[in-house]
Amino acid sequence: MNLITPLLRPGNVLADLDTTSKKRLFEQAGELFHGSHGVSPTEVFDSLFSREKLGSTALGYGIAIPHGRIKHLADTACAFIRLKTPIDFDAPDRQPVDLVFILLAPAAATDMHLQILGELAAMFSDENFRARLRDAPDAARLHDLITQWTP
């Protein structure tokens, strides 16, 4: 089992989300986490946007892992979103992003979120795995692929 499995709720996996920009994606993520974890959509947006100002969270190969800390979050929360149309994310390889894993940690979190980020980087470095995510027919299959991945 990977570190993500117990954290990724099926309802927080979206397939083919229609969005127009990084800013709009973060707004939509705020609504998603508000519904699933009861946190303020504005706080989610502000946290993700502030972190992104420090430097792009895009890894390359169409992958981004936006992350932030949320003051009123009890436990680490995450979401995986496959975008309908890739968007610009200021990636190091200049490729637009279509696979987005969002990680939110409590404000007082330990280094567990760093371990999760490391595991996500390993997961998404696998070209075959990225292809399977892009080919998955729906959100349920995306959830299965991510939660069944082994480091």
Protein backbone atom coordinates (compact mmCIF):
# COMPACT_ATOMS: atom_id res chain seq x y z
CA MET A 1 0.00 0.00 0.00
CA ASN A 2 1.18 3.52 -0.74
CA LEU A 3 0.87 6.60 1.48
CA ILE A 4 -1.85 8.06 -0.75
CA THR A 5 -4.31 5.16 -0.56
CA PRO A 6 -5.84 6.01 2.84
CA LEU A 7 -6.08 9.71 1.94
CA LEU A 8 -7.61 9.72 -1.54
CA ARG A 9 -11.38 9.62 -1.33
CA PRO A 10 -13.19 8.34 -4.44
CA GLY A 11 -15.24 11.56 -4.54
CA ASN A 12 -12.03 13.58 -4.79
CA VAL A 13 -11.03 12.01 -8.08
CA LEU A 14 -12.32 13.79 -11.16
CA ALA A 15 -12.00 12.70 -14.77
CA ASP A 16 -12.00 15.22 -17.59
CA LEU A 17 -12.63 18.38 -15.58
CA ASP A 18 -13.25 21.32 -17.87
CA THR A 19 -11.20 24.29 -16.69
CA THR A 20 -9.54 27.22 -18.39
CA SER A 21 -6.57 28.20 -16.23
CA LYS A 22 -4.51 27.41 -13.16
CA LYS A 23 -6.44 30.07 -11.23
CA ARG A 24 -9.80 28.56 -12.21
CA LEU A 25 -8.52 25.08 -11.34
CA PHE A 26 -7.62 26.27 -7.84
CA GLU A 27 -11.10 27.79 -7.45
CA GLN A 28 -12.67 24.47 -8.49
CA ALA A 29 -10.35 22.63 -6.09
CA GLY A 30 -11.52 24.95 -3.30
CA GLU A 31 -15.12 23.92 -3.96
CA LEU A 32 -14.16 20.24 -4.12
CA PHE A 33 -12.36 20.34 -0.75
CA HIS A 34 -15.13 22.43 0.77
CA GLY A 35 -17.58 19.66 -0.09
CA SER A 36 -15.34 16.77 0.96
CA HIS A 37 -13.50 18.21 3.97
CA GLY A 38 -15.51 21.28 5.00
CA VAL A 39 -12.64 23.71 4.55
CA SER A 40 -13.07 27.22 3.21
CA PRO A 41 -12.82 27.36 -0.59
CA THR A 42 -11.05 30.70 -0.28
CA GLU A 43 -8.48 29.26 2.13
CA VAL A 44 -7.76 26.39 -0.28
CA PHE A 45 -7.42 28.78 -3.23
CA ASP A 46 -5.19 31.17 -1.29
CA SER A 47 -2.94 28.37 -0.04
CA LEU A 48 -2.48 26.80 -3.47
CA PHE A 49 -2.05 30.14 -5.23
CA SER A 50 0.47 31.41 -2.65
CA ARG A 51 2.57 28.27 -3.02
CA GLU A 52 2.43 28.52 -6.81
CA LYS A 53 3.77 32.08 -6.66
CA LEU A 54 6.97 30.67 -5.13
CA GLY A 55 7.49 28.50 -8.20
CA SER A 56 5.52 26.18 -10.41
CA THR A 57 4.48 22.86 -8.91
CA ALA A 58 4.48 21.30 -12.38
CA LEU A 59 6.94 18.42 -12.69
CA GLY A 60 6.90 18.12 -16.46
CA TYR A 61 5.34 15.43 -18.64
CA GLY A 62 1.90 17.04 -18.13
CA ILE A 63 1.96 16.53 -14.34
CA ALA A 64 1.48 19.07 -11.54
CA ILE A 65 1.32 18.58 -7.79
CA PRO A 66 -0.04 21.80 -6.28
CA HIS A 67 0.15 21.69 -2.51
CA GLY A 68 -0.40 23.91 0.48
CA ARG A 69 -1.14 24.12 4.17
CA ILE A 70 -4.61 24.75 5.55
CA LYS A 71 -5.06 26.14 9.06
CA HIS A 72 -8.37 24.44 9.90
CA LEU A 73 -7.67 21.07 8.30
CA ALA A 74 -7.58 18.14 10.72
CA ASP A 75 -5.81 15.63 8.46
CA THR A 76 -3.98 15.62 5.16
CA ALA A 77 -6.38 15.79 2.21
CA CYS A 78 -5.84 15.20 -1.47
CA ALA A 79 -7.51 15.09 -4.85
CA PHE A 80 -6.58 13.84 -8.29
CA ILE A 81 -7.93 15.63 -11.33
CA ARG A 82 -7.51 14.70 -14.97
CA LEU A 83 -8.23 17.76 -17.08
CA LYS A 84 -10.31 17.64 -20.23
CA THR A 85 -7.95 20.07 -21.92
CA PRO A 86 -4.34 20.66 -20.75
CA ILE A 87 -3.57 24.07 -19.27
CA ASP A 88 -0.41 26.14 -18.91
CA PHE A 89 1.28 25.56 -15.56
CA ASP A 90 4.72 27.10 -16.20
CA ALA A 91 6.20 23.59 -16.32
CA PRO A 92 9.97 23.19 -16.62
CA ASP A 93 9.51 21.34 -19.93
CA ARG A 94 6.98 23.98 -21.10
CA GLN A 95 4.36 21.26 -21.67
CA PRO A 96 0.77 21.98 -20.60
CA VAL A 97 -0.60 20.01 -17.65
CA ASP A 98 -3.48 17.53 -17.78
CA LEU A 99 -2.85 15.41 -14.66
CA VAL A 100 -3.08 17.25 -11.34
CA PHE A 101 -2.65 15.83 -7.85
CA ILE A 102 -3.54 18.37 -5.14
CA LEU A 103 -2.20 17.82 -1.63
CA LEU A 104 -3.34 19.84 1.38
CA ALA A 105 -1.68 19.45 4.77
CA PRO A 106 -2.72 20.79 8.17
CA ALA A 107 -0.84 23.95 9.15
CA ALA A 108 1.01 22.08 11.93
CA ALA A 109 1.77 19.01 9.81
CA THR A 110 4.95 17.06 10.30
CA ASP A 111 7.13 15.95 7.43
CA MET A 112 4.57 13.34 6.33
CA HIS A 113 3.45 15.61 3.49
CA LEU A 114 7.06 15.68 2.24
CA GLN A 115 7.10 11.88 2.18
CA ILE A 116 3.81 11.92 0.26
CA LEU A 117 5.21 14.45 -2.24
CA GLY A 118 8.22 12.17 -2.74
CA GLU A 119 5.98 9.20 -3.36
CA LEU A 120 3.89 11.19 -5.83
CA ALA A 121 7.03 12.23 -7.72
CA ALA A 122 8.04 8.58 -7.98
CA MET A 123 4.54 7.56 -9.07
CA PHE A 124 4.32 10.16 -11.80
CA SER A 125 7.86 9.56 -13.08
CA ASP A 126 6.63 6.26 -14.54
CA GLU A 127 5.74 6.90 -18.20
CA ASN A 128 3.62 3.74 -18.40
CA PHE A 129 1.63 4.77 -15.32
CA ARG A 130 0.98 8.25 -16.75
CA ALA A 131 -0.31 6.66 -19.95
CA ARG A 132 -2.69 4.43 -17.98
CA LEU A 133 -4.03 7.48 -16.14
CA ARG A 134 -4.64 9.27 -19.41
CA ASP A 135 -6.37 6.23 -20.90
CA ALA A 136 -8.58 5.44 -17.88
CA PRO A 137 -12.27 5.55 -18.84
CA ASP A 138 -13.56 7.23 -15.67
CA ALA A 139 -12.87 8.55 -12.17
CA ALA A 140 -13.39 5.14 -10.55
CA ARG A 141 -10.61 3.62 -12.66
CA LEU A 142 -8.34 6.60 -11.94
CA HIS A 143 -8.91 6.06 -8.22
CA ASP A 144 -8.11 2.36 -8.55
CA LEU A 145 -4.89 3.02 -10.46
CA ILE A 146 -3.59 5.50 -7.90
CA THR A 147 -4.59 3.56 -4.79
CA GLN A 148 -3.23 0.28 -6.16
CA TRP A 149 0.12 1.75 -7.21
CA THR A 150 3.03 0.33 -5.23
CA PRO A 151 6.30 2.14 -4.59
